[in-house]
Each structure stands twice: as structure tokens, then as C-alpha cells.
N, C-alpha and C. Protein backbone atom coordinates (compact mmCIF):
# COMPACT_ATOMS: atom_id res chain seq x y z
N UNK A 1 16.20 4.64 0.67
CA UNK A 1 16.04 3.54 -0.60
C UNK A 1 15.28 4.26 -1.80
N UNK A 2 15.41 3.76 -2.91
CA UNK A 2 15.01 4.58 -4.40
C UNK A 2 13.85 3.84 -4.21
N UNK A 3 12.54 4.84 -3.85
CA UNK A 3 11.40 5.23 -4.30
C UNK A 3 10.45 4.98 -5.45
N UNK A 4 10.23 3.75 -5.62
CA UNK A 4 9.63 3.71 -7.18
C UNK A 4 8.17 3.94 -7.12
N UNK A 5 7.19 3.26 -5.53
CA UNK A 5 5.78 3.11 -6.07
C UNK A 5 5.28 3.78 -4.72
N UNK A 6 4.30 4.46 -4.92
CA UNK A 6 4.09 5.04 -3.13
C UNK A 6 2.06 4.78 -3.47
N UNK A 7 1.66 4.13 -2.30
CA UNK A 7 0.09 4.09 -3.02
C UNK A 7 -1.19 4.78 -1.30
N UNK A 8 -1.25 5.79 -1.26
CA UNK A 8 -2.33 6.27 -0.24
C UNK A 8 -3.53 5.94 -0.21
N UNK A 9 -3.80 5.39 0.91
CA UNK A 9 -5.75 4.96 1.05
C UNK A 9 -5.80 5.60 2.32
N UNK A 10 -6.87 5.44 2.15
CA UNK A 10 -8.00 6.59 4.08
C UNK A 10 -9.48 5.34 3.65
N UNK A 11 -10.10 5.22 5.23
CA UNK A 11 -10.96 5.02 5.20
C UNK A 11 -11.25 5.62 6.27
N UNK A 12 -13.04 6.32 6.22
CA UNK A 12 -13.46 6.90 7.70
C UNK A 12 -14.33 6.07 8.19
N UNK A 13 -14.93 6.35 9.41
CA UNK A 13 -16.48 5.90 10.09
C UNK A 13 -16.52 7.27 10.32
N UNK A 14 -18.27 7.92 9.83
CA UNK A 14 -18.63 9.04 10.16
C UNK A 14 -19.39 8.49 11.76
N UNK A 15 -20.15 7.49 12.13
CA UNK A 15 -20.66 7.24 13.24
C UNK A 15 -19.23 6.86 14.44
N UNK A 16 -17.81 6.35 14.67
CA UNK A 16 -17.32 5.90 15.36
C UNK A 16 -16.64 7.73 15.35
N UNK A 17 -16.76 8.30 14.35
CA UNK A 17 -15.61 9.19 14.39
C UNK A 17 -14.39 9.28 14.22
N UNK A 18 -13.90 8.55 13.55
CA UNK A 18 -12.11 7.88 13.02
C UNK A 18 -12.27 8.01 11.60
N UNK A 19 -10.71 8.06 10.97
CA UNK A 19 -10.37 8.28 9.83
C UNK A 19 -9.15 7.38 10.43
N UNK A 20 -9.02 6.46 9.39
CA UNK A 20 -7.95 5.73 8.79
C UNK A 20 -6.55 5.45 7.99
N UNK A 21 -5.42 5.55 7.69
CA UNK A 21 -4.62 5.59 6.45
C UNK A 21 -3.81 4.55 6.72
N UNK A 22 -3.31 4.22 5.72
CA UNK A 22 -2.29 2.93 5.50
C UNK A 22 -1.54 3.93 4.24
N UNK A 23 -0.58 3.77 4.17
CA UNK A 23 0.74 3.76 2.44
C UNK A 23 1.47 2.52 2.68
N UNK A 24 1.54 2.74 1.72
CA UNK A 24 2.54 1.62 0.81
C UNK A 24 3.57 1.93 0.02
N UNK A 25 4.66 1.81 -0.07
CA UNK A 25 5.94 1.64 -0.88
C UNK A 25 6.63 0.87 -1.12
N UNK A 26 7.03 1.46 -2.27
CA UNK A 26 8.07 -0.27 -3.00
C UNK A 26 9.41 0.94 -3.58
N UNK A 27 9.99 0.05 -2.65
CA UNK A 27 11.44 0.42 -3.35
C UNK A 27 12.32 -0.45 -3.50
N UNK A 28 13.72 0.52 -4.19
CA UNK A 28 14.95 -0.85 -3.95
C UNK A 28 16.11 -0.41 -2.81
N UNK A 29 16.84 -0.74 -2.60
CA UNK A 29 18.01 -0.02 -1.42
C UNK A 29 19.58 -0.32 -2.33
N UNK A 30 20.32 0.02 -1.76
CA UNK A 30 21.46 0.15 -2.31
C UNK A 30 22.09 -0.97 -2.52
N UNK A 31 21.54 -2.07 -1.84
CA UNK A 31 22.18 -3.70 -2.14
C UNK A 31 21.67 -4.67 -3.29
N UNK A 32 20.15 -3.87 -3.87
CA UNK A 32 19.57 -4.61 -4.48
C UNK A 32 18.33 -4.96 -4.33
N UNK A 33 18.34 -4.85 -2.40
CA UNK A 33 17.13 -5.75 -1.94
C UNK A 33 15.95 -5.03 -2.62
N UNK A 34 14.61 -5.54 -2.56
CA UNK A 34 13.13 -5.18 -3.39
C UNK A 34 12.72 -4.75 -1.68
N UNK A 35 12.39 -3.08 -1.48
CA UNK A 35 11.34 -3.04 -0.01
C UNK A 35 9.98 -2.80 0.09
N UNK A 36 9.42 -2.93 0.73
CA UNK A 36 8.12 -2.68 0.91
C UNK A 36 7.99 -2.13 2.47
N UNK A 37 7.40 -0.68 2.22
CA UNK A 37 7.01 -0.39 3.85
C UNK A 37 5.67 0.27 3.95
N UNK A 38 5.27 -0.44 4.61
CA UNK A 38 4.19 0.20 5.16
C UNK A 38 3.66 1.12 6.31
N UNK A 39 2.35 1.85 6.48
CA UNK A 39 2.51 2.97 7.60
C UNK A 39 0.77 2.48 7.05
N UNK A 40 0.44 2.40 8.74
CA UNK A 40 -1.00 2.60 9.35
C UNK A 40 -1.44 2.59 10.39
N UNK A 41 -2.77 3.50 10.76
CA UNK A 41 -2.95 4.03 12.01
C UNK A 41 -4.27 4.64 11.51
N UNK A 42 -4.53 5.52 13.35
CA UNK A 42 -5.51 6.33 13.09
C UNK A 42 -4.81 7.41 12.47
N UNK A 43 -5.47 8.62 12.06
CA UNK A 43 -5.22 10.01 10.95
C UNK A 43 -4.63 11.00 11.80
N UNK A 44 -3.67 11.30 12.18
CA UNK A 44 -2.72 12.57 12.94
C UNK A 44 -2.05 12.10 14.27
N UNK A 45 -2.07 10.16 14.39
CA UNK A 45 -0.96 9.93 14.83
C UNK A 45 -0.04 9.59 14.25
N UNK A 46 0.50 8.82 15.50
CA UNK A 46 1.64 8.41 14.79
C UNK A 46 2.10 6.64 13.46
N UNK A 47 0.80 5.87 14.33
CA UNK A 47 0.68 4.67 13.59
C UNK A 47 1.47 3.77 13.71
N UNK A 48 2.05 2.91 12.82
CA UNK A 48 2.24 1.61 13.32
C UNK A 48 2.60 1.30 11.11
N UNK A 49 4.64 1.08 11.83
CA UNK A 49 5.06 1.05 10.29
C UNK A 49 5.82 -0.49 10.62
N UNK A 50 5.66 -0.65 9.37
CA UNK A 50 6.45 -2.28 8.88
C UNK A 50 7.17 -2.15 7.67
N UNK A 51 8.45 -3.12 7.43
CA UNK A 51 9.15 -2.91 6.36
C UNK A 51 9.69 -4.43 5.93
N UNK A 52 9.67 -4.42 4.89
CA UNK A 52 9.66 -6.19 4.01
C UNK A 52 10.51 -5.65 2.95
N UNK A 53 11.99 -7.17 3.59
CA UNK A 53 12.74 -7.17 2.78
C UNK A 53 12.50 -8.41 1.57
N UNK A 54 12.83 -7.75 0.47
CA UNK A 54 12.58 -9.45 -0.26
C UNK A 54 13.68 -8.97 -1.80
N UNK A 55 14.15 -10.60 -1.70
CA UNK A 55 15.65 -10.64 -3.21
C UNK A 55 14.64 -10.36 -4.46
N UNK A 56 13.37 -10.84 -4.88
CA UNK A 56 12.88 -10.74 -5.82
C UNK A 56 11.34 -9.73 -6.09
N UNK A 57 11.70 -8.85 -7.11
CA UNK A 57 10.25 -7.88 -7.26
C UNK A 57 8.76 -8.84 -6.73
N UNK A 58 8.74 -9.95 -7.72
CA UNK A 58 7.19 -11.06 -7.48
C UNK A 58 7.18 -11.22 -6.20
N UNK A 59 8.24 -11.25 -4.76
CA UNK A 59 8.22 -11.36 -3.89
C UNK A 59 7.26 -10.39 -3.29
N UNK A 60 8.11 -9.07 -3.73
CA UNK A 60 7.24 -8.04 -3.19
C UNK A 60 5.71 -7.28 -4.00
N UNK A 61 5.71 -7.86 -4.72
CA UNK A 61 4.53 -8.01 -5.92
C UNK A 61 3.70 -8.49 -4.85
N UNK A 62 3.68 -9.64 -4.47
CA UNK A 62 2.95 -10.64 -3.49
C UNK A 62 2.14 -10.17 -2.16
N UNK A 63 3.54 -9.48 -1.67
CA UNK A 63 3.36 -8.69 -0.69
C UNK A 63 1.96 -7.77 -0.49
N UNK A 64 2.28 -7.01 -1.11
CA UNK A 64 1.37 -5.49 -1.83
C UNK A 64 0.22 -6.04 -2.03
N UNK A 65 0.32 -7.13 -3.21
CA UNK A 65 -1.36 -7.88 -3.16
C UNK A 65 -1.66 -8.36 -1.80
N UNK A 66 -1.35 -8.84 -1.36
CA UNK A 66 -1.82 -9.22 0.04
C UNK A 66 -2.21 -8.23 1.03
N UNK A 67 -1.76 -7.53 1.23
CA UNK A 67 -1.94 -5.92 1.80
C UNK A 67 -3.62 -5.07 1.20
N UNK A 68 -3.20 -5.37 -0.02
CA UNK A 68 -4.20 -4.20 -0.78
C UNK A 68 -5.43 -5.41 -0.40
N UNK A 69 -5.82 -6.43 -0.43
CA UNK A 69 -6.86 -7.45 -0.03
C UNK A 69 -7.40 -7.06 1.27
N UNK A 70 -6.55 -6.88 1.72
CA UNK A 70 -6.88 -7.14 3.20
C UNK A 70 -7.31 -5.51 3.62
N UNK A 71 -6.96 -4.62 2.55
CA UNK A 71 -8.02 -2.77 2.80
C UNK A 71 -8.72 -3.28 1.89
N UNK A 72 -9.30 -3.44 0.77
CA UNK A 72 -9.98 -3.49 -0.05
C UNK A 72 -11.37 -4.89 0.21
N UNK A 73 -10.82 -5.96 0.58
CA UNK A 73 -11.91 -7.55 0.74
C UNK A 73 -12.01 -7.99 1.88
N UNK A 74 -11.31 -7.15 2.79
CA UNK A 74 -11.97 -8.28 4.00
C UNK A 74 -13.23 -7.41 4.36
N UNK A 75 -14.56 -8.13 4.83
CA UNK A 75 -15.48 -7.54 4.81
C UNK A 75 -15.88 -7.38 6.47
N UNK A 76 -15.12 -8.14 7.27
CA UNK A 76 -15.52 -7.43 8.47
C UNK A 76 -15.13 -7.08 9.50
N UNK A 77 -13.96 -5.52 8.99
CA UNK A 77 -13.53 -4.74 9.98
C UNK A 77 -14.42 -3.62 10.07
N UNK A 78 -14.44 -2.30 10.56
CA UNK A 78 -14.61 -0.83 10.49
C UNK A 78 -14.04 -0.60 8.92
N UNK A 79 -12.94 -1.06 9.23
CA UNK A 79 -12.40 -0.01 7.55
C UNK A 79 -11.87 -0.64 6.35
N UNK A 80 -13.22 -1.07 6.09
CA UNK A 80 -13.29 -2.22 4.91
C UNK A 80 -13.38 -1.32 4.15
N UNK A 81 -13.82 -0.22 3.72
CA UNK A 81 -13.97 0.87 2.86
C UNK A 81 -12.91 1.51 2.48
N UNK A 82 -11.81 1.46 2.49
CA UNK A 82 -10.62 1.81 1.91
C UNK A 82 -10.89 2.19 0.72
N UNK A 83 -10.20 3.93 0.43
CA UNK A 83 -10.31 4.40 -1.10
C UNK A 83 -9.31 5.34 -1.36
N UNK A 84 -8.73 5.00 -2.61
CA UNK A 84 -7.69 5.49 -2.65
C UNK A 84 -7.43 6.85 -2.94
N UNK A 85 -6.44 7.73 -2.13
CA UNK A 85 -6.42 8.96 -1.64
C UNK A 85 -5.57 9.85 -2.50
N UNK A 86 -4.24 8.71 -3.20
CA UNK A 86 -3.29 8.93 -4.33
C UNK A 86 -2.12 8.09 -4.39
N UNK A 87 -1.09 8.46 -5.25
CA UNK A 87 -0.51 7.65 -5.61
C UNK A 87 1.12 8.03 -6.45
N UNK A 88 2.01 7.63 -6.58
CA UNK A 88 3.02 7.59 -6.54
C UNK A 88 3.90 7.02 -7.61
N UNK A 89 4.26 6.34 -8.84
CA UNK A 89 4.87 5.86 -9.53
C UNK A 89 6.27 6.53 -10.74
N UNK A 90 6.71 5.52 -10.39
CA UNK A 90 7.82 6.00 -11.62
C UNK A 90 7.69 4.54 -12.56
N UNK A 91 7.44 5.15 -13.47
CA UNK A 91 6.79 3.54 -14.27
C UNK A 91 7.52 2.83 -15.18
N UNK A 92 8.72 4.42 -14.98
CA UNK A 92 10.35 3.71 -16.35
C UNK A 92 11.06 2.65 -15.36
N UNK A 93 10.88 2.84 -13.81
CA UNK A 93 11.87 1.96 -13.45
C UNK A 93 11.53 0.80 -13.05
N UNK A 94 10.00 0.37 -12.87
CA UNK A 94 9.16 -0.39 -12.02
C UNK A 94 7.97 -1.27 -12.67
N UNK A 95 7.93 -2.51 -13.47
CA UNK A 95 6.94 -2.88 -14.06
C UNK A 95 6.27 -3.40 -12.67
N UNK A 96 4.90 -2.85 -12.96
CA UNK A 96 3.03 -3.82 -11.58
C UNK A 96 2.98 -4.18 -12.83
N UNK A 97 3.31 -5.92 -12.61
CA UNK A 97 2.21 -6.53 -12.65
C UNK A 97 1.04 -6.51 -13.32
N UNK A 98 -0.03 -6.64 -13.90
CA UNK A 98 -1.48 -6.32 -14.46
C UNK A 98 -2.43 -7.14 -12.57
N UNK A 99 -2.15 -7.89 -12.42
CA UNK A 99 -3.07 -8.83 -11.39
C UNK A 99 -3.07 -7.68 -9.94
N UNK A 100 -1.90 -6.63 -10.22
CA UNK A 100 -2.02 -5.52 -8.86
C UNK A 100 -2.52 -4.85 -9.15
N UNK A 101 -1.96 -4.06 -10.75
CA UNK A 101 -3.04 -2.73 -11.07
C UNK A 101 -4.29 -2.76 -10.96
N UNK A 102 -4.82 -3.95 -11.60
CA UNK A 102 -6.62 -4.08 -11.46
C UNK A 102 -7.36 -4.23 -10.36
N UNK A 103 -6.13 -4.63 -8.61
CA UNK A 103 -6.79 -4.01 -7.89
C UNK A 103 -7.27 -2.82 -6.91
N UNK A 104 -6.66 -1.96 -8.13
CA UNK A 104 -6.82 -0.40 -7.68
C UNK A 104 -7.38 0.38 -8.35
N UNK A 105 -8.70 0.19 -7.55
CA UNK A 105 -10.48 1.06 -8.52
C UNK A 105 -9.69 2.51 -8.72
N UNK A 106 -9.97 2.88 -9.86
CA UNK A 106 -10.46 4.05 -10.21
C UNK A 106 -9.21 5.03 -10.23
N UNK A 107 -8.00 4.59 -10.59
CA UNK A 107 -6.20 5.42 -10.82
C UNK A 107 -5.89 5.09 -11.84
N UNK A 108 -6.16 3.76 -12.37
CA UNK A 108 -5.80 3.23 -13.77
C UNK A 108 -6.87 2.68 -14.73
């Protein structure tokens, strides 16, 4: 997979003594499909990985937006305060819609 966009999120709860990570990767495979990979779970443990395939980049963007909404806007979970810890983008190969970029506080 040609990785075109990566985003790394982290949240921690000092009282519960746990830290959780979330990584999101957008890329394209050899057959031209858009792929979204996610990996999330407690820091230092294996976590849970998911892979989604899409024909159109707009569908991949929608999936990433739904993931970010869950991370940044869900108010009823312990891990609701995710922060952006890093990102990598190849802007020459993949355009990111303004609606997606505006969801990422403090990096753009």
C-alpha cells in the first residue's frame, strides 16, 4: 500500500492510569482501491486493527471523518479527549477536503 496520509492520536486518563492510541492511515493499493487502516487500543499493547477498502476517495474521507467524530466529539467515554500526537501527509498525491482538515485541531 502506498501510504498517503497518517494521523496519530492519543488520550490518557491519569486517574485510571491508562493511555490509549489511535492511528489512521489512508493509502492506495496496487489495484487502485483506496484503503483506510486503523489501529487503536491501550498504549503498549497489541490493540485492534481494522481495514476498509473503497472505490472512491470521497468514501474513504467519509470513513475517516466518522472515526474522527468518534474520537473528538463523543462525550460519554473515558477516552473522549484525544489529542493529535503526529501526522504525515503526502499532499502532492492526495487532496484532503476542508471538512476533514477542519476536524484536526492545532495542526493545520
